[in-house]
Amino acid sequence: NFTSSPAFSVFCVLLVAGVVVVHVLHLDVS
């Protein structure tokens, strides 16, 4: 039920955005 909710969709979008930001800003490998 949680994974089919809008809140989880927002969490996934934020997680993917975090991946993009980390790579674009060339942050530390950690």
PDB file of all heavy atoms in Angstrom:
ATOM      1  N   ASN A   1       0.827  -1.213   0.000  1.00  0.00           N
ATOM      2  CA  ASN A   1       0.000   0.000   0.000  1.00  0.00           C
ATOM      3  C   ASN A   1       0.858   1.259   0.000  1.00  0.00           C
ATOM      4  O   ASN A   1       0.548   2.227  -0.690  1.00  0.00           O
ATOM      5  CB  ASN A   1      -0.940   0.001   1.211  1.00  0.00           C
ATOM      6  CG  ASN A   1      -2.003  -1.068   1.108  1.00  0.00           C
ATOM      7  OD1 ASN A   1      -2.303  -1.563   0.027  1.00  0.00           O
ATOM      8  ND2 ASN A   1      -2.548  -1.453   2.235  1.00  0.00           N
ATOM      9  N   PHE A   2       1.953   1.243   0.783  1.00  0.00           N
ATOM     10  CA  PHE A   2       2.825   2.422   0.845  1.00  0.00           C
ATOM     11  C   PHE A   2       3.530   2.671  -0.483  1.00  0.00           C
ATOM     12  O   PHE A   2       3.617   3.803  -0.951  1.00  0.00           O
ATOM     13  CB  PHE A   2       3.861   2.273   1.964  1.00  0.00           C
ATOM     14  CG  PHE A   2       4.876   3.377   1.971  1.00  0.00           C
ATOM     15  CD1 PHE A   2       4.502   4.680   2.291  1.00  0.00           C
ATOM     16  CD2 PHE A   2       6.198   3.131   1.635  1.00  0.00           C
ATOM     17  CE1 PHE A   2       5.429   5.717   2.279  1.00  0.00           C
ATOM     18  CE2 PHE A   2       7.130   4.147   1.623  1.00  0.00           C
ATOM     19  CZ  PHE A   2       6.746   5.440   1.957  1.00  0.00           C
ATOM     20  N   THR A   3       4.033   1.603  -1.111  1.00  0.00           N
ATOM     21  CA  THR A   3       4.774   1.782  -2.362  1.00  0.00           C
ATOM     22  C   THR A   3       3.888   2.203  -3.524  1.00  0.00           C
ATOM     23  O   THR A   3       4.393   2.670  -4.539  1.00  0.00           O
ATOM     24  CB  THR A   3       5.554   0.509  -2.745  1.00  0.00           C
ATOM     25  OG1 THR A   3       4.650  -0.592  -2.806  1.00  0.00           O
ATOM     26  CG2 THR A   3       6.652   0.235  -1.741  1.00  0.00           C
ATOM     27  N   SER A   4       2.591   2.044  -3.375  1.00  0.00           N
ATOM     28  CA  SER A   4       1.696   2.512  -4.439  1.00  0.00           C
ATOM     29  C   SER A   4       1.119   3.894  -4.115  1.00  0.00           C
ATOM     30  O   SER A   4       0.236   4.371  -4.820  1.00  0.00           O
ATOM     31  CB  SER A   4       0.569   1.506  -4.669  1.00  0.00           C
ATOM     32  OG  SER A   4      -0.195   1.352  -3.497  1.00  0.00           O
ATOM     33  N   SER A   5       1.647   4.529  -3.084  1.00  0.00           N
ATOM     34  CA  SER A   5       1.138   5.840  -2.669  1.00  0.00           C
ATOM     35  C   SER A   5       1.919   6.976  -3.351  1.00  0.00           C
ATOM     36  O   SER A   5       3.054   6.789  -3.786  1.00  0.00           O
ATOM     37  CB  SER A   5       1.249   6.002  -1.150  1.00  0.00           C
ATOM     38  OG  SER A   5       2.604   6.158  -0.785  1.00  0.00           O
ATOM     39  N   PRO A   6       1.309   8.149  -3.420  1.00  0.00           N
ATOM     40  CA  PRO A   6       2.012   9.318  -3.973  1.00  0.00           C
ATOM     41  C   PRO A   6       3.255   9.688  -3.152  1.00  0.00           C
ATOM     42  O   PRO A   6       4.248  10.138  -3.719  1.00  0.00           O
ATOM     43  CB  PRO A   6       0.977  10.437  -3.909  1.00  0.00           C
ATOM     44  CG  PRO A   6      -0.344   9.748  -3.850  1.00  0.00           C
ATOM     45  CD  PRO A   6      -0.097   8.449  -3.144  1.00  0.00           C
ATOM     46  N   ALA A   7       3.218   9.468  -1.846  1.00  0.00           N
ATOM     47  CA  ALA A   7       4.371   9.801  -1.004  1.00  0.00           C
ATOM     48  C   ALA A   7       5.600   8.997  -1.422  1.00  0.00           C
ATOM     49  O   ALA A   7       6.716   9.534  -1.482  1.00  0.00           O
ATOM     50  CB  ALA A   7       4.040   9.545   0.459  1.00  0.00           C
ATOM     51  N   PHE A   8       5.410   7.721  -1.728  1.00  0.00           N
ATOM     52  CA  PHE A   8       6.545   6.904  -2.147  1.00  0.00           C
ATOM     53  C   PHE A   8       7.040   7.333  -3.522  1.00  0.00           C
ATOM     54  O   PHE A   8       8.247   7.309  -3.782  1.00  0.00           O
ATOM     55  CB  PHE A   8       6.182   5.423  -2.142  1.00  0.00           C
ATOM     56  CG  PHE A   8       7.358   4.534  -2.440  1.00  0.00           C
ATOM     57  CD1 PHE A   8       8.325   4.330  -1.470  1.00  0.00           C
ATOM     58  CD2 PHE A   8       7.494   3.927  -3.669  1.00  0.00           C
ATOM     59  CE1 PHE A   8       9.425   3.523  -1.731  1.00  0.00           C
ATOM     60  CE2 PHE A   8       8.584   3.124  -3.935  1.00  0.00           C
ATOM     61  CZ  PHE A   8       9.554   2.917  -2.974  1.00  0.00           C
ATOM     62  N   SER A   9       6.131   7.718  -4.400  1.00  0.00           N
ATOM     63  CA  SER A   9       6.542   8.214  -5.714  1.00  0.00           C
ATOM     64  C   SER A   9       7.404   9.460  -5.573  1.00  0.00           C
ATOM     65  O   SER A   9       8.424   9.603  -6.256  1.00  0.00           O
ATOM     66  CB  SER A   9       5.313   8.514  -6.577  1.00  0.00           C
ATOM     67  OG  SER A   9       4.602   7.330  -6.833  1.00  0.00           O
ATOM     68  N   VAL A  10       7.013  10.350  -4.680  1.00  0.00           N
ATOM     69  CA  VAL A  10       7.807  11.555  -4.427  1.00  0.00           C
ATOM     70  C   VAL A  10       9.176  11.173  -3.876  1.00  0.00           C
ATOM     71  O   VAL A  10      10.204  11.723  -4.293  1.00  0.00           O
ATOM     72  CB  VAL A  10       7.055  12.509  -3.461  1.00  0.00           C
ATOM     73  CG1 VAL A  10       7.963  13.623  -2.968  1.00  0.00           C
ATOM     74  CG2 VAL A  10       5.823  13.073  -4.143  1.00  0.00           C
ATOM     75  N   PHE A  11       9.210  10.214  -2.951  1.00  0.00           N
ATOM     76  CA  PHE A  11      10.481   9.745  -2.394  1.00  0.00           C
ATOM     77  C   PHE A  11      11.389   9.221  -3.503  1.00  0.00           C
ATOM     78  O   PHE A  11      12.592   9.532  -3.533  1.00  0.00           O
ATOM     79  CB  PHE A  11      10.230   8.659  -1.345  1.00  0.00           C
ATOM     80  CG  PHE A  11      11.473   7.940  -0.919  1.00  0.00           C
ATOM     81  CD1 PHE A  11      12.387   8.551  -0.073  1.00  0.00           C
ATOM     82  CD2 PHE A  11      11.740   6.654  -1.366  1.00  0.00           C
ATOM     83  CE1 PHE A  11      13.549   7.891   0.318  1.00  0.00           C
ATOM     84  CE2 PHE A  11      12.880   5.978  -0.981  1.00  0.00           C
ATOM     85  CZ  PHE A  11      13.793   6.604  -0.136  1.00  0.00           C
ATOM     86  N   CYS A  12      10.847   8.426  -4.425  1.00  0.00           N
ATOM     87  CA  CYS A  12      11.648   7.872  -5.519  1.00  0.00           C
ATOM     88  C   CYS A  12      12.170   8.970  -6.437  1.00  0.00           C
ATOM     89  O   CYS A  12      13.332   8.933  -6.867  1.00  0.00           O
ATOM     90  CB  CYS A  12      10.830   6.851  -6.310  1.00  0.00           C
ATOM     91  SG  CYS A  12      10.555   5.326  -5.403  1.00  0.00           S
ATOM     92  N   VAL A  13      11.322   9.946  -6.737  1.00  0.00           N
ATOM     93  CA  VAL A  13      11.763  11.064  -7.585  1.00  0.00           C
ATOM     94  C   VAL A  13      12.886  11.825  -6.893  1.00  0.00           C
ATOM     95  O   VAL A  13      13.889  12.193  -7.527  1.00  0.00           O
ATOM     96  CB  VAL A  13      10.573  11.996  -7.925  1.00  0.00           C
ATOM     97  CG1 VAL A  13      11.056  13.292  -8.543  1.00  0.00           C
ATOM     98  CG2 VAL A  13       9.602  11.282  -8.857  1.00  0.00           C
ATOM     99  N   LEU A  14      12.755  12.064  -5.588  1.00  0.00           N
ATOM    100  CA  LEU A  14      13.807  12.757  -4.845  1.00  0.00           C
ATOM    101  C   LEU A  14      15.097  11.943  -4.806  1.00  0.00           C
ATOM    102  O   LEU A  14      16.193  12.502  -4.905  1.00  0.00           O
ATOM    103  CB  LEU A  14      13.338  13.068  -3.421  1.00  0.00           C
ATOM    104  CG  LEU A  14      12.235  14.118  -3.304  1.00  0.00           C
ATOM    105  CD1 LEU A  14      11.778  14.240  -1.849  1.00  0.00           C
ATOM    106  CD2 LEU A  14      12.710  15.460  -3.839  1.00  0.00           C
ATOM    107  N   LEU A  15      14.980  10.634  -4.685  1.00  0.00           N
ATOM    108  CA  LEU A  15      16.164   9.775  -4.685  1.00  0.00           C
ATOM    109  C   LEU A  15      16.881   9.817  -6.025  1.00  0.00           C
ATOM    110  O   LEU A  15      18.113   9.946  -6.076  1.00  0.00           O
ATOM    111  CB  LEU A  15      15.762   8.342  -4.330  1.00  0.00           C
ATOM    112  CG  LEU A  15      16.879   7.354  -4.033  1.00  0.00           C
ATOM    113  CD1 LEU A  15      17.741   7.847  -2.870  1.00  0.00           C
ATOM    114  CD2 LEU A  15      16.291   5.992  -3.709  1.00  0.00           C
ATOM    115  N   VAL A  16      16.125   9.759  -7.100  1.00  0.00           N
ATOM    116  CA  VAL A  16      16.724   9.856  -8.436  1.00  0.00           C
ATOM    117  C   VAL A  16      17.331  11.239  -8.640  1.00  0.00           C
ATOM    118  O   VAL A  16      18.440  11.381  -9.192  1.00  0.00           O
ATOM    119  CB  VAL A  16      15.685   9.530  -9.530  1.00  0.00           C
ATOM    120  CG1 VAL A  16      16.221   9.853 -10.911  1.00  0.00           C
ATOM    121  CG2 VAL A  16      15.270   8.067  -9.440  1.00  0.00           C
ATOM    122  N   ALA A  17      16.632  12.272  -8.178  1.00  0.00           N
ATOM    123  CA  ALA A  17      17.187  13.631  -8.279  1.00  0.00           C
ATOM    124  C   ALA A  17      18.484  13.737  -7.482  1.00  0.00           C
ATOM    125  O   ALA A  17      19.433  14.406  -7.912  1.00  0.00           O
ATOM    126  CB  ALA A  17      16.168  14.649  -7.776  1.00  0.00           C
ATOM    127  N   GLY A  18      18.538  13.072  -6.329  1.00  0.00           N
ATOM    128  CA  GLY A  18      19.764  13.059  -5.531  1.00  0.00           C
ATOM    129  C   GLY A  18      20.919  12.432  -6.282  1.00  0.00           C
ATOM    130  O   GLY A  18      22.049  12.921  -6.216  1.00  0.00           O
ATOM    131  N   VAL A  19      20.652  11.353  -6.996  1.00  0.00           N
ATOM    132  CA  VAL A  19      21.693  10.709  -7.801  1.00  0.00           C
ATOM    133  C   VAL A  19      22.209  11.681  -8.853  1.00  0.00           C
ATOM    134  O   VAL A  19      23.418  11.833  -9.046  1.00  0.00           O
ATOM    135  CB  VAL A  19      21.154   9.420  -8.464  1.00  0.00           C
ATOM    136  CG1 VAL A  19      22.131   8.883  -9.492  1.00  0.00           C
ATOM    137  CG2 VAL A  19      20.862   8.369  -7.423  1.00  0.00           C
ATOM    138  N   VAL A  20      21.289  12.351  -9.531  1.00  0.00           N
ATOM    139  CA  VAL A  20      21.675  13.303 -10.581  1.00  0.00           C
ATOM    140  C   VAL A  20      22.498  14.445  -9.979  1.00  0.00           C
ATOM    141  O   VAL A  20      23.552  14.824 -10.517  1.00  0.00           O
ATOM    142  CB  VAL A  20      20.425  13.842 -11.314  1.00  0.00           C
ATOM    143  CG1 VAL A  20      20.788  14.977 -12.252  1.00  0.00           C
ATOM    144  CG2 VAL A  20      19.736  12.714 -12.068  1.00  0.00           C
ATOM    145  N   VAL A  21      22.042  14.994  -8.869  1.00  0.00           N
ATOM    146  CA  VAL A  21      22.749  16.113  -8.229  1.00  0.00           C
ATOM    147  C   VAL A  21      24.150  15.701  -7.813  1.00  0.00           C
ATOM    148  O   VAL A  21      25.123  16.441  -8.031  1.00  0.00           O
ATOM    149  CB  VAL A  21      21.940  16.638  -7.014  1.00  0.00           C
ATOM    150  CG1 VAL A  21      22.777  17.561  -6.152  1.00  0.00           C
ATOM    151  CG2 VAL A  21      20.686  17.344  -7.494  1.00  0.00           C
ATOM    152  N   VAL A  22      24.267  14.531  -7.204  1.00  0.00           N
ATOM    153  CA  VAL A  22      25.586  14.063  -6.762  1.00  0.00           C
ATOM    154  C   VAL A  22      26.544  13.940  -7.935  1.00  0.00           C
ATOM    155  O   VAL A  22      27.713  14.323  -7.845  1.00  0.00           O
ATOM    156  CB  VAL A  22      25.448  12.720  -5.998  1.00  0.00           C
ATOM    157  CG1 VAL A  22      26.782  12.024  -5.853  1.00  0.00           C
ATOM    158  CG2 VAL A  22      24.820  12.955  -4.638  1.00  0.00           C
ATOM    159  N   HIS A  23      26.060  13.446  -9.069  1.00  0.00           N
ATOM    160  CA  HIS A  23      26.930  13.278 -10.239  1.00  0.00           C
ATOM    161  C   HIS A  23      27.217  14.606 -10.932  1.00  0.00           C
ATOM    162  O   HIS A  23      28.342  14.827 -11.392  1.00  0.00           O
ATOM    163  CB  HIS A  23      26.325  12.267 -11.219  1.00  0.00           C
ATOM    164  CG  HIS A  23      26.470  10.856 -10.757  1.00  0.00           C
ATOM    165  ND1 HIS A  23      27.669  10.187 -10.745  1.00  0.00           N
ATOM    166  CD2 HIS A  23      25.570   9.975 -10.248  1.00  0.00           C
ATOM    167  CE1 HIS A  23      27.500   8.969 -10.282  1.00  0.00           C
ATOM    168  NE2 HIS A  23      26.220   8.820  -9.964  1.00  0.00           N
ATOM    169  N   VAL A  24      26.222  15.472 -11.007  1.00  0.00           N
ATOM    170  CA  VAL A  24      26.422  16.767 -11.673  1.00  0.00           C
ATOM    171  C   VAL A  24      27.392  17.645 -10.879  1.00  0.00           C
ATOM    172  O   VAL A  24      28.245  18.326 -11.462  1.00  0.00           O
ATOM    173  CB  VAL A  24      25.063  17.492 -11.880  1.00  0.00           C
ATOM    174  CG1 VAL A  24      25.255  18.939 -12.283  1.00  0.00           C
ATOM    175  CG2 VAL A  24      24.241  16.759 -12.927  1.00  0.00           C
ATOM    176  N   LEU A  25      27.290  17.617  -9.567  1.00  0.00           N
ATOM    177  CA  LEU A  25      28.163  18.446  -8.722  1.00  0.00           C
ATOM    178  C   LEU A  25      29.525  17.793  -8.484  1.00  0.00           C
ATOM    179  O   LEU A  25      30.382  18.388  -7.834  1.00  0.00           O
ATOM    180  CB  LEU A  25      27.484  18.731  -7.378  1.00  0.00           C
ATOM    181  CG  LEU A  25      26.213  19.562  -7.434  1.00  0.00           C
ATOM    182  CD1 LEU A  25      25.638  19.750  -6.034  1.00  0.00           C
ATOM    183  CD2 LEU A  25      26.464  20.910  -8.086  1.00  0.00           C
ATOM    184  N   HIS A  26      29.734  16.600  -9.011  1.00  0.00           N
ATOM    185  CA  HIS A  26      30.999  15.876  -8.851  1.00  0.00           C
ATOM    186  C   HIS A  26      31.402  15.800  -7.386  1.00  0.00           C
ATOM    187  O   HIS A  26      32.538  16.079  -7.012  1.00  0.00           O
ATOM    188  CB  HIS A  26      32.122  16.517  -9.677  1.00  0.00           C
ATOM    189  CG  HIS A  26      31.821  16.582 -11.138  1.00  0.00           C
ATOM    190  ND1 HIS A  26      31.760  15.454 -11.928  1.00  0.00           N
ATOM    191  CD2 HIS A  26      31.531  17.630 -11.950  1.00  0.00           C
ATOM    192  CE1 HIS A  26      31.472  15.798 -13.159  1.00  0.00           C
ATOM    193  NE2 HIS A  26      31.318  17.119 -13.209  1.00  0.00           N
ATOM    194  N   LEU A  27      30.436  15.419  -6.554  1.00  0.00           N
ATOM    195  CA  LEU A  27      30.705  15.274  -5.127  1.00  0.00           C
ATOM    196  C   LEU A  27      31.626  14.080  -4.887  1.00  0.00           C
ATOM    197  O   LEU A  27      31.886  13.277  -5.779  1.00  0.00           O
ATOM    198  CB  LEU A  27      29.392  15.105  -4.353  1.00  0.00           C
ATOM    199  CG  LEU A  27      28.463  16.318  -4.339  1.00  0.00           C
ATOM    200  CD1 LEU A  27      27.215  16.013  -3.541  1.00  0.00           C
ATOM    201  CD2 LEU A  27      29.157  17.551  -3.787  1.00  0.00           C
ATOM    202  N   ASP A  28      32.094  13.973  -3.664  1.00  0.00           N
ATOM    203  CA  ASP A  28      33.009  12.915  -3.270  1.00  0.00           C
ATOM    204  C   ASP A  28      32.422  11.544  -3.603  1.00  0.00           C
ATOM    205  O   ASP A  28      31.204  11.348  -3.606  1.00  0.00           O
ATOM    206  CB  ASP A  28      33.265  13.030  -1.761  1.00  0.00           C
ATOM    207  CG  ASP A  28      34.376  12.113  -1.301  1.00  0.00           C
ATOM    208  OD1 ASP A  28      35.330  11.899  -2.081  1.00  0.00           O
ATOM    209  OD2 ASP A  28      34.277  11.601  -0.173  1.00  0.00           O
ATOM    210  N   VAL A  29      33.298  10.607  -3.860  1.00  0.00           N
ATOM    211  CA  VAL A  29      32.883   9.254  -4.232  1.00  0.00           C
ATOM    212  C   VAL A  29      32.042   8.610  -3.118  1.00  0.00           C
ATOM    213  O   VAL A  29      31.136   7.825  -3.400  1.00  0.00           O
ATOM    214  CB  VAL A  29      34.125   8.384  -4.550  1.00  0.00           C
ATOM    215  CG1 VAL A  29      33.745   6.939  -4.779  1.00  0.00           C
ATOM    216  CG2 VAL A  29      34.864   8.931  -5.742  1.00  0.00           C
ATOM    217  N   SER A  30      32.310   8.961  -1.886  1.00  0.00           N
ATOM    218  CA  SER A  30      31.531   8.374  -0.793  1.00  0.00           C
ATOM    219  C   SER A  30      30.051   8.763  -0.903  1.00  0.00           C
ATOM    220  O   SER A  30      29.173   7.966  -0.588  1.00  0.00           O
ATOM    221  CB  SER A  30      32.095   8.794   0.565  1.00  0.00           C
ATOM    222  OG  SER A  30      32.028  10.194   0.716  1.00  0.00           O
TER     223      SER A  30
END
